[in-house]
C-alpha atoms as a PDB file:
ATOM      1  CA  MET A   1       0.000   0.000   0.000  1.00  0.00           C
ATOM      2  CA  ALA A   2       1.340   3.402  -0.997  1.00  0.00           C
ATOM      3  CA  ASN A   3       2.110   6.152   1.480  1.00  0.00           C
ATOM      4  CA  ARG A   4      -0.231   9.121   0.995  1.00  0.00           C
ATOM      5  CA  VAL A   5       0.894  12.717   1.490  1.00  0.00           C
ATOM      6  CA  ARG A   6      -0.534  16.173   0.853  1.00  0.00           C
ATOM      7  CA  ILE A   7       1.281  18.672  -1.344  1.00  0.00           C
ATOM      8  CA  ARG A   8       0.917  22.099   0.270  1.00  0.00           C
ATOM      9  CA  CYS A   9       3.389  24.240  -1.697  1.00  0.00           C
ATOM     10  CA  ILE A  10       5.401  24.424  -4.912  1.00  0.00           C
ATOM     11  CA  ASN A  11       8.405  26.205  -6.376  1.00  0.00           C
ATOM     12  CA  LYS A  12       8.023  27.511  -9.909  1.00  0.00           C
ATOM     13  CA  THR A  13      10.565  28.033 -12.643  1.00  0.00           C
ATOM     14  CA  ASP A  14      10.539  31.130 -14.833  1.00  0.00           C
ATOM     15  CA  ARG A  15       9.228  29.121 -17.797  1.00  0.00           C
ATOM     16  CA  MET A  16       5.873  30.066 -19.269  1.00  0.00           C
ATOM     17  CA  ASN A  17       4.898  26.510 -20.304  1.00  0.00           C
ATOM     18  CA  PRO A  18       2.556  25.257 -17.531  1.00  0.00           C
ATOM     19  CA  HIS A  19       3.901  21.697 -17.979  1.00  0.00           C
ATOM     20  CA  GLU A  20       7.423  22.857 -17.075  1.00  0.00           C
ATOM     21  CA  ARG A  21       6.678  25.576 -14.516  1.00  0.00           C
ATOM     22  CA  ILE A  22       6.760  23.491 -11.340  1.00  0.00           C
ATOM     23  CA  LYS A  23      10.226  22.340 -10.250  1.00  0.00           C
ATOM     24  CA  ASN A  24       9.579  21.327  -6.607  1.00  0.00           C
ATOM     25  CA  VAL A  25       6.655  20.306  -4.447  1.00  0.00           C
ATOM     26  CA  GLY A  26       6.523  20.248  -0.669  1.00  0.00           C
ATOM     27  CA  GLY A  27       4.465  19.825   2.418  1.00  0.00           C
ATOM     28  CA  GLN A  28       4.518  19.064   6.099  1.00  0.00           C
ATOM     29  CA  ASN A  29       5.295  15.778   7.855  1.00  0.00           C
ATOM     30  CA  ALA A  30       3.158  14.393  10.666  1.00  0.00           C
ATOM     31  CA  ASP A  31       5.829  15.585  13.134  1.00  0.00           C
ATOM     32  CA  GLY A  32       5.528  19.172  11.839  1.00  0.00           C
ATOM     33  CA  GLY A  33       8.762  19.097   9.840  1.00  0.00           C
ATOM     34  CA  ARG A  34       8.762  20.290   6.250  1.00  0.00           C
ATOM     35  CA  TRP A  35       9.630  18.273   3.174  1.00  0.00           C
ATOM     36  CA  LYS A  36      10.412  19.354  -0.384  1.00  0.00           C
ATOM     37  CA  GLN A  37      11.426  17.376  -3.450  1.00  0.00           C
ATOM     38  CA  SER A  38      11.775  17.731  -7.206  1.00  0.00           C
ATOM     39  CA  VAL A  39       8.960  17.038  -9.634  1.00  0.00           C
ATOM     40  CA  ASP A  40      11.156  14.350 -11.219  1.00  0.00           C
ATOM     41  CA  GLN A  41      11.364  12.554  -7.855  1.00  0.00           C
ATOM     42  CA  THR A  42       7.613  12.945  -7.389  1.00  0.00           C
ATOM     43  CA  VAL A  43       6.957  11.446 -10.836  1.00  0.00           C
ATOM     44  CA  ARG A  44       9.191   8.449 -10.003  1.00  0.00           C
ATOM     45  CA  GLU A  45       7.450   7.883  -6.679  1.00  0.00           C
ATOM     46  CA  ILE A  46       3.969   8.047  -8.211  1.00  0.00           C
ATOM     47  CA  GLU A  47       4.943   5.697 -11.045  1.00  0.00           C
ATOM     48  CA  SER A  48       6.553   3.223  -8.620  1.00  0.00           C
ATOM     49  CA  ARG A  49       3.325   3.314  -6.580  1.00  0.00           C
ATOM     50  CA  GLU A  50       5.415   3.886  -3.457  1.00  0.00           C
ATOM     51  CA  TRP A  51       3.750   7.247  -2.788  1.00  0.00           C
ATOM     52  CA  GLU A  52       0.448   8.909  -3.603  1.00  0.00           C
ATOM     53  CA  PHE A  53       0.131  12.687  -3.521  1.00  0.00           C
ATOM     54  CA  PHE A  54      -2.910  14.921  -3.229  1.00  0.00           C
ATOM     55  CA  VAL A  55      -3.925  18.550  -2.767  1.00  0.00           C
ATOM     56  CA  THR A  56      -6.919  19.998  -0.980  1.00  0.00           C
ATOM     57  CA  GLU A  57      -8.985  22.257  -3.233  1.00  0.00           C
ATOM     58  CA  GLY A  58     -12.087  23.989  -1.913  1.00  0.00           C
ATOM     59  CA  GLY A  59     -12.442  21.517   0.946  1.00  0.00           C
ATOM     60  CA  ARG A  60     -12.135  18.417  -1.227  1.00  0.00           C
ATOM     61  CA  THR A  61      -9.206  16.078  -1.779  1.00  0.00           C
ATOM     62  CA  VAL A  62      -7.859  15.862  -5.330  1.00  0.00           C
ATOM     63  CA  ASP A  63      -5.251  13.282  -6.365  1.00  0.00           C
ATOM     64  CA  VAL A  64      -2.019  14.202  -8.135  1.00  0.00           C
ATOM     65  CA  ILE A  65      -1.168  12.086 -11.181  1.00  0.00           C
ATOM     66  CA  VAL A  66       1.558  11.859 -13.812  1.00  0.00           C
ATOM     67  CA  ALA A  67       0.689  13.128 -17.287  1.00  0.00           C
ATOM     68  CA  THR A  68       2.699  13.444 -20.497  1.00  0.00           C
ATOM     69  CA  HIS A  69       2.731  16.362 -22.924  1.00  0.00           C
ATOM     70  CA  ASN A  70       4.979  16.373 -26.002  1.00  0.00           C
ATOM     71  CA  GLY A  71       6.941  13.465 -24.511  1.00  0.00           C
ATOM     72  CA  ASN A  72       7.616  15.239 -21.188  1.00  0.00           C
ATOM     73  CA  LYS A  73       6.236  13.901 -17.919  1.00  0.00           C
ATOM     74  CA  TYR A  74       4.751  16.324 -15.425  1.00  0.00           C
ATOM     75  CA  ILE A  75       2.335  16.241 -12.509  1.00  0.00           C
ATOM     76  CA  LYS A  76      -1.205  17.551 -12.364  1.00  0.00           C
ATOM     77  CA  THR A  77      -4.340  16.915 -10.354  1.00  0.00           C
ATOM     78  CA  THR A  78      -7.107  14.662 -11.581  1.00  0.00           C
ATOM     79  CA  ALA A  79      -9.479  17.646 -11.529  1.00  0.00           C
ATOM     80  CA  ASP A  80      -7.334  19.598 -14.006  1.00  0.00           C
ATOM     81  CA  GLY A  81      -7.611  19.262 -17.751  1.00  0.00           C
ATOM     82  CA  ILE A  82      -4.383  19.881 -19.623  1.00  0.00           C
ATOM     83  CA  GLN A  83      -3.342  22.837 -17.435  1.00  0.00           C
ATOM     84  CA  PRO A  84      -1.994  21.919 -13.953  1.00  0.00           C
ATOM     85  CA  ASP A  85      -3.792  24.872 -12.315  1.00  0.00           C
ATOM     86  CA  ASN A  86      -4.576  23.345  -8.915  1.00  0.00           C
ATOM     87  CA  LEU A  87      -0.867  22.849  -8.297  1.00  0.00           C
ATOM     88  CA  LEU A  88       0.130  26.204  -9.799  1.00  0.00           C
ATOM     89  CA  SER A  89      -2.238  27.982  -7.420  1.00  0.00           C
ATOM     90  CA  LEU A  90      -0.442  26.623  -4.312  1.00  0.00           C
ATOM     91  CA  PRO A  91       1.840  28.977  -2.373  1.00  0.00           C
ATOM     92  CA  GLU A  92       5.622  28.975  -2.858  1.00  0.00           C
ATOM     93  CA  CYS A  93       7.621  26.563  -0.679  1.00  0.00           C
ATOM     94  CA  PRO A  94      10.179  28.147   1.649  1.00  0.00           C
END
């Protein structure tokens, strides 16, 4: 069974392409400590089924999945179409 964790923040690049704009995601551990990792690591963990990630949007839980656009893997929420807006709307990670 995969570990499940909430993404609470992101770090963006200066790229305009929404599929390449997120470089890191992060959150808070159960002990209150912070975590942050690259999108590439997040993609690997989702694909290995070791971890599942989600965001909370308007009081509901939305899963984060791996998608591919023009041969490049990126993450988005299941509620998003092609644009990963739910993730892009999260605050910046420290």
